[in-house]
Amino acid sequence: MIKDILVNLSLDAKGDPAADYAIAIASALEAHLAAVAFSYEPIMPLTVMGGAPANFIDAQRRENDAAAQAAVDRFEEAARREGLSVASQMLSTSLSGAADTFGRMTRRFDLSILTQTPADKAAPEELIAENALFQSGRPVIMVPYIHRGGLKLDRIMVCWDGGRAAARAIGDAMPFLQRAKAVDVVMVLGEEGKHDALPGAEMGAHLARHGLNVDVKRVVADGGVQETLLSYAADINADFLVMGGYGHSRLREFILGGVTRGMLASMTVPCFMSH
């Protein structure tokens, strides 16, 4: 049961997909929704010799605080329109401090929600999402930065590889799966380190016992695993993905790449992850 949700607010005045999606989920699940907006400490370029003037640093800090407070104000206004139970706060910290703080905060919630980092833009959401997955023991939903609209669960795609993280994600996502009209359990054949004879039928039967309309699909890898999954998600017009996050160690994912990092970079629909 999901009754307590945390969302990391984007400071982009043009829109906040995670906030909009979190409000839609909280409304659908009748859950309490908490929000945090981080005001990041000014980062001085290495080319600045002798340090930046104090008035420049103070001005940037005030600008960052104002952007974070504006994000909180937008969130509270939108949440009030939906009649939700909400709480919000603005915190000033460094990027690493924000990731650590958010990771610890998520332990007190059933679910956390963040916006995906745009591919062409450096943003803190990926680091914060990684910490939420590794530190909290709770699931995370990443919302694509291009996403518009509320919660839609006509067709959910479950990425199943027989691993612990995937099993955890399926269990954690049950409140969403039970609201889906159809659930596709998708296995990628030929994935390195996995066996093609994974018990997909057994997982399909398990979900069917929960009253879900399940179809088990085995697809042959065409390029990378994440490309195969995202291509299949587009083919079936999936509204929501469920997958394990970081099945390998954090270091291996960073050095060699991995499905989780690939999905974080390329996802086109909201993605529910558990570690």
Protein backbone atom coordinates (compact mmCIF):
# COMPACT_ATOMS: atom_id res chain seq x y z
CA MET A 1 0.00 0.00 0.00
CA ILE A 2 1.32 3.44 -0.94
CA LYS A 3 0.10 6.20 1.36
CA ASP A 4 3.13 8.45 1.81
CA ILE A 5 5.01 9.89 -1.19
CA LEU A 6 8.03 12.18 -1.55
CA VAL A 7 8.78 14.21 -4.68
CA ASN A 8 11.95 16.10 -5.57
CA LEU A 9 10.87 19.38 -7.15
CA SER A 10 12.52 20.69 -10.28
CA LEU A 11 13.61 24.32 -10.27
CA ASP A 12 12.70 24.72 -13.94
CA ALA A 13 9.99 27.40 -14.13
CA LYS A 14 8.84 25.98 -17.49
CA GLY A 15 7.37 22.89 -15.86
CA ASP A 16 7.95 20.05 -13.43
CA PRO A 17 6.87 16.63 -14.77
CA ALA A 18 7.69 14.87 -11.49
CA ALA A 19 5.53 17.24 -9.43
CA ASP A 20 2.59 16.90 -11.82
CA TYR A 21 2.91 13.11 -11.87
CA ALA A 22 3.29 12.90 -8.10
CA ILE A 23 0.12 14.95 -7.62
CA ALA A 24 -1.74 12.61 -9.98
CA ILE A 25 -0.49 9.51 -8.12
CA ALA A 26 -1.29 10.96 -4.69
CA SER A 27 -4.79 11.80 -5.89
CA ALA A 28 -5.35 8.31 -7.36
CA LEU A 29 -4.01 6.50 -4.27
CA GLU A 30 -5.40 8.97 -1.72
CA ALA A 31 -1.88 9.40 -0.38
CA HIS A 32 -0.09 12.14 1.51
CA LEU A 33 2.44 13.99 -0.66
CA ALA A 34 5.59 15.68 0.62
CA ALA A 35 7.89 17.77 -1.55
CA VAL A 36 11.41 19.11 -1.24
CA ALA A 37 13.16 21.70 -3.38
CA PHE A 38 16.93 21.96 -3.09
CA SER A 39 18.69 25.30 -3.40
CA TYR A 40 22.22 24.39 -4.45
CA GLU A 41 25.23 26.21 -3.09
CA PRO A 42 27.05 28.28 -5.73
CA ILE A 43 29.76 26.41 -7.62
CA MET A 44 32.71 28.52 -8.64
CA PRO A 45 34.53 27.64 -11.90
CA LEU A 46 38.13 26.52 -11.48
CA THR A 47 39.16 29.35 -13.79
CA VAL A 48 38.17 31.93 -11.17
CA MET A 49 41.54 32.87 -9.69
CA GLY A 50 41.61 33.99 -6.10
CA GLY A 51 37.97 33.14 -5.55
CA ALA A 52 34.80 35.00 -6.49
CA PRO A 53 33.75 38.23 -4.77
CA ALA A 54 31.52 37.70 -1.74
CA ASN A 55 28.72 39.81 -3.25
CA PHE A 56 28.68 37.58 -6.37
CA ILE A 57 28.36 34.43 -4.27
CA ASP A 58 25.63 36.00 -2.14
CA ALA A 59 23.71 37.09 -5.23
CA GLN A 60 23.84 33.60 -6.73
CA ARG A 61 22.78 32.04 -3.44
CA ARG A 62 19.77 34.41 -3.26
CA GLU A 63 18.89 33.55 -6.87
CA ASN A 64 19.04 29.81 -6.12
CA ASP A 65 16.94 30.24 -2.98
CA ALA A 66 14.34 32.20 -4.92
CA ALA A 67 14.13 29.51 -7.62
CA ALA A 68 13.68 26.77 -5.01
CA GLN A 69 11.02 28.74 -3.15
CA ALA A 70 9.19 29.42 -6.42
CA ALA A 71 9.16 25.67 -7.10
CA VAL A 72 7.62 25.06 -3.66
CA ASP A 73 5.00 27.75 -4.29
CA ARG A 74 4.03 26.26 -7.67
CA PHE A 75 3.75 22.81 -6.13
CA GLU A 76 1.60 23.96 -3.21
CA GLU A 77 -0.76 25.84 -5.51
CA ALA A 78 -1.19 22.81 -7.80
CA ALA A 79 -1.67 20.44 -4.85
CA ARG A 80 -4.26 22.69 -3.23
CA ARG A 81 -6.32 22.60 -6.41
CA GLU A 82 -6.51 18.80 -6.04
CA GLY A 83 -7.37 18.95 -2.34
CA LEU A 84 -4.38 16.84 -1.33
CA SER A 85 -2.72 16.39 2.04
CA VAL A 86 0.72 17.92 1.43
CA ALA A 87 3.86 19.20 3.11
CA SER A 88 6.80 20.98 1.48
CA GLN A 89 10.16 22.45 2.32
CA MET A 90 13.12 24.19 0.74
CA LEU A 91 16.63 23.12 1.73
CA SER A 92 19.95 24.84 0.94
CA THR A 93 22.81 22.41 0.40
CA SER A 94 25.48 21.20 -2.00
CA LEU A 95 24.75 18.74 -4.81
CA SER A 96 26.29 15.85 -2.89
CA GLY A 97 24.50 17.00 0.23
CA ALA A 98 21.18 17.02 -1.62
CA ALA A 99 21.72 13.47 -2.88
CA ASP A 100 22.59 12.23 0.60
CA THR A 101 19.72 14.13 2.25
CA PHE A 102 17.14 12.91 -0.25
CA GLY A 103 18.39 9.35 0.05
CA ARG A 104 17.90 9.45 3.82
CA MET A 105 14.53 11.22 3.55
CA THR A 106 13.10 8.55 1.26
CA ARG A 107 13.41 5.91 4.00
CA ARG A 108 10.41 7.51 5.70
CA PHE A 109 8.18 7.28 2.60
CA ASP A 110 6.59 4.52 0.54
CA LEU A 111 7.72 5.99 -2.77
CA SER A 112 9.84 8.82 -4.17
CA ILE A 113 9.43 10.56 -7.51
CA LEU A 114 11.94 12.55 -9.57
CA THR A 115 12.26 14.04 -13.05
CA GLN A 116 14.70 12.42 -15.50
CA THR A 117 17.85 14.35 -16.33
CA PRO A 118 17.75 15.75 -19.89
CA ALA A 119 20.35 14.07 -22.09
CA ASP A 120 21.97 17.37 -23.12
CA LYS A 121 21.95 19.01 -19.71
CA ALA A 122 23.88 18.42 -16.51
CA ALA A 123 21.36 18.04 -13.70
CA PRO A 124 21.41 16.54 -10.21
CA GLU A 125 18.39 14.24 -10.55
CA GLU A 126 20.36 11.17 -11.66
CA LEU A 127 22.71 11.35 -8.66
CA ILE A 128 19.77 11.95 -6.33
CA ALA A 129 17.85 9.03 -7.88
CA GLU A 130 20.85 6.72 -7.48
CA ASN A 131 21.13 7.63 -3.81
CA ALA A 132 17.39 7.12 -3.33
CA LEU A 133 17.63 3.64 -4.83
CA PHE A 134 20.79 2.58 -3.00
CA GLN A 135 20.19 4.20 0.39
CA SER A 136 16.46 3.97 1.03
CA GLY A 137 15.29 0.43 0.38
CA ARG A 138 12.22 2.08 -1.18
CA PRO A 139 11.08 2.33 -4.82
CA VAL A 140 11.61 5.32 -7.08
CA ILE A 141 9.66 6.58 -10.08
CA MET A 142 11.62 8.51 -12.70
CA VAL A 143 9.42 10.69 -14.89
CA PRO A 144 10.74 11.61 -18.37
CA TYR A 145 11.44 15.32 -18.73
CA ILE A 146 9.27 15.27 -21.87
CA HIS A 147 6.31 13.69 -20.05
CA ARG A 148 3.06 15.61 -19.95
CA GLY A 149 -0.20 14.57 -18.36
CA GLY A 150 -1.23 12.60 -15.33
CA LEU A 151 -1.15 8.97 -14.31
CA LYS A 152 -2.14 6.48 -17.01
CA LEU A 153 -2.02 2.74 -16.41
CA ASP A 154 -3.80 1.17 -19.36
CA ARG A 155 -0.75 -0.96 -20.17
CA ILE A 156 2.17 -1.62 -17.82
CA MET A 157 5.35 -3.28 -19.03
CA VAL A 158 7.30 -5.32 -16.46
CA CYS A 159 10.97 -5.92 -17.30
CA TRP A 160 11.69 -9.39 -15.91
CA ASP A 161 15.14 -10.99 -15.82
CA GLY A 162 14.65 -13.38 -12.91
CA GLY A 163 16.83 -11.26 -10.63
CA ARG A 164 16.33 -10.06 -7.08
CA ALA A 165 15.95 -6.40 -8.01
CA ALA A 166 13.29 -7.18 -10.62
CA ALA A 167 11.38 -9.34 -8.14
CA ARG A 168 11.53 -6.54 -5.58
CA ALA A 169 10.25 -4.03 -8.14
CA ILE A 170 7.28 -6.22 -9.04
CA GLY A 171 6.29 -6.57 -5.39
CA ASP A 172 6.70 -2.86 -4.71
CA ALA A 173 4.74 -1.90 -7.83
CA MET A 174 1.69 -4.02 -7.00
CA PRO A 175 -0.56 -1.00 -6.20
CA PHE A 176 0.05 0.18 -9.78
CA LEU A 177 -0.11 -3.25 -11.39
CA GLN A 178 -3.51 -3.86 -9.80
CA ARG A 179 -4.84 -0.75 -11.51
CA ALA A 180 -3.58 -1.74 -14.98
CA LYS A 181 -5.88 -2.95 -17.71
CA ALA A 182 -3.07 -5.11 -19.12
CA VAL A 183 0.40 -6.17 -17.91
CA ASP A 184 3.17 -7.35 -20.25
CA VAL A 185 5.94 -9.32 -18.55
CA VAL A 186 8.86 -8.89 -20.96
CA MET A 187 12.02 -10.99 -20.98
CA VAL A 188 14.98 -10.15 -23.23
CA LEU A 189 16.54 -13.33 -24.59
CA GLY A 190 20.29 -13.43 -25.04
CA GLU A 191 20.98 -10.88 -22.29
CA GLU A 192 24.56 -11.30 -21.09
CA GLY A 193 24.79 -13.10 -17.77
CA LYS A 194 21.16 -14.24 -17.90
CA HIS A 195 19.55 -17.51 -18.94
CA ASP A 196 17.00 -17.68 -21.72
CA ALA A 197 15.01 -20.28 -19.76
CA LEU A 198 14.10 -17.85 -16.99
CA PRO A 199 10.80 -18.66 -15.29
CA GLY A 200 8.74 -16.04 -17.08
CA ALA A 201 5.68 -18.30 -17.15
CA GLU A 202 5.85 -18.74 -13.38
CA MET A 203 6.01 -14.96 -12.85
CA GLY A 204 3.08 -14.54 -15.22
CA ALA A 205 1.11 -17.12 -13.24
CA HIS A 206 2.06 -15.41 -9.97
CA LEU A 207 0.72 -12.07 -11.18
CA ALA A 208 -2.40 -13.70 -12.60
CA ARG A 209 -3.15 -15.03 -9.11
CA HIS A 210 -3.36 -11.40 -8.04
CA GLY A 211 -6.14 -10.91 -10.57
CA LEU A 212 -3.98 -9.21 -13.20
CA ASN A 213 -4.47 -9.53 -16.96
CA VAL A 214 -0.96 -10.78 -17.80
CA ASP A 215 0.82 -11.64 -21.03
CA VAL A 216 4.39 -13.01 -20.95
CA LYS A 217 6.58 -11.96 -23.88
CA ARG A 218 10.07 -13.14 -24.83
CA VAL A 219 11.91 -10.78 -27.16
CA VAL A 220 15.30 -11.23 -28.80
CA ALA A 221 17.86 -8.57 -27.96
CA ASP A 222 18.35 -6.18 -30.84
CA GLY A 223 21.38 -4.11 -29.85
CA GLY A 224 21.54 -3.21 -26.18
CA VAL A 225 19.03 -4.48 -23.64
CA GLN A 226 17.71 -1.02 -22.87
CA GLU A 227 17.20 -0.29 -26.56
CA THR A 228 15.30 -3.56 -26.93
CA LEU A 229 13.10 -2.80 -23.92
CA LEU A 230 12.36 0.77 -24.97
CA SER A 231 11.62 -0.33 -28.54
CA TYR A 232 9.17 -2.93 -27.27
CA ALA A 233 7.58 -0.41 -24.89
CA ALA A 234 6.99 1.88 -27.87
CA ASP A 235 5.56 -0.99 -29.95
CA ILE A 236 2.93 -1.86 -27.33
CA ASN A 237 2.30 1.77 -26.36
CA ALA A 238 3.20 1.12 -22.71
CA ASP A 239 2.19 3.80 -20.22
CA PHE A 240 4.44 2.70 -17.34
CA LEU A 241 7.56 0.56 -16.88
CA VAL A 242 8.50 -1.57 -13.87
CA MET A 243 12.08 -2.80 -13.50
CA GLY A 244 14.83 -3.58 -11.03
CA GLY A 245 17.34 -0.80 -10.57
CA TYR A 246 21.11 -1.40 -10.54
CA GLY A 247 21.33 -5.17 -10.54
CA HIS A 248 25.13 -4.78 -10.66
CA SER A 249 27.31 -2.75 -8.32
CA ARG A 250 27.23 1.01 -8.58
CA LEU A 251 30.90 1.09 -9.68
CA ARG A 252 30.40 -1.47 -12.44
CA GLU A 253 27.34 0.41 -13.72
CA PHE A 254 29.35 3.65 -13.77
CA ILE A 255 32.40 2.20 -15.52
CA LEU A 256 30.83 -0.31 -17.90
CA GLY A 257 27.37 1.12 -18.24
CA GLY A 258 24.27 -0.88 -17.58
CA VAL A 259 20.57 -1.23 -18.26
CA THR A 260 19.61 1.09 -15.40
CA ARG A 261 21.85 3.93 -16.53
CA GLY A 262 20.72 3.42 -20.11
CA MET A 263 17.06 3.55 -19.10
CA LEU A 264 17.60 6.65 -16.96
CA ALA A 265 19.11 8.38 -19.97
CA SER A 266 16.65 7.19 -22.63
CA MET A 267 13.29 6.45 -21.01
CA THR A 268 10.19 7.71 -22.77
CA VAL A 269 7.52 6.73 -20.21
CA PRO A 270 7.52 6.87 -16.38
CA CYS A 271 9.73 4.14 -14.94
CA PHE A 272 9.22 2.48 -11.55
CA MET A 273 12.48 1.09 -10.11
CA SER A 274 13.48 -0.81 -6.99
CA HIS A 275 16.94 -1.94 -5.94
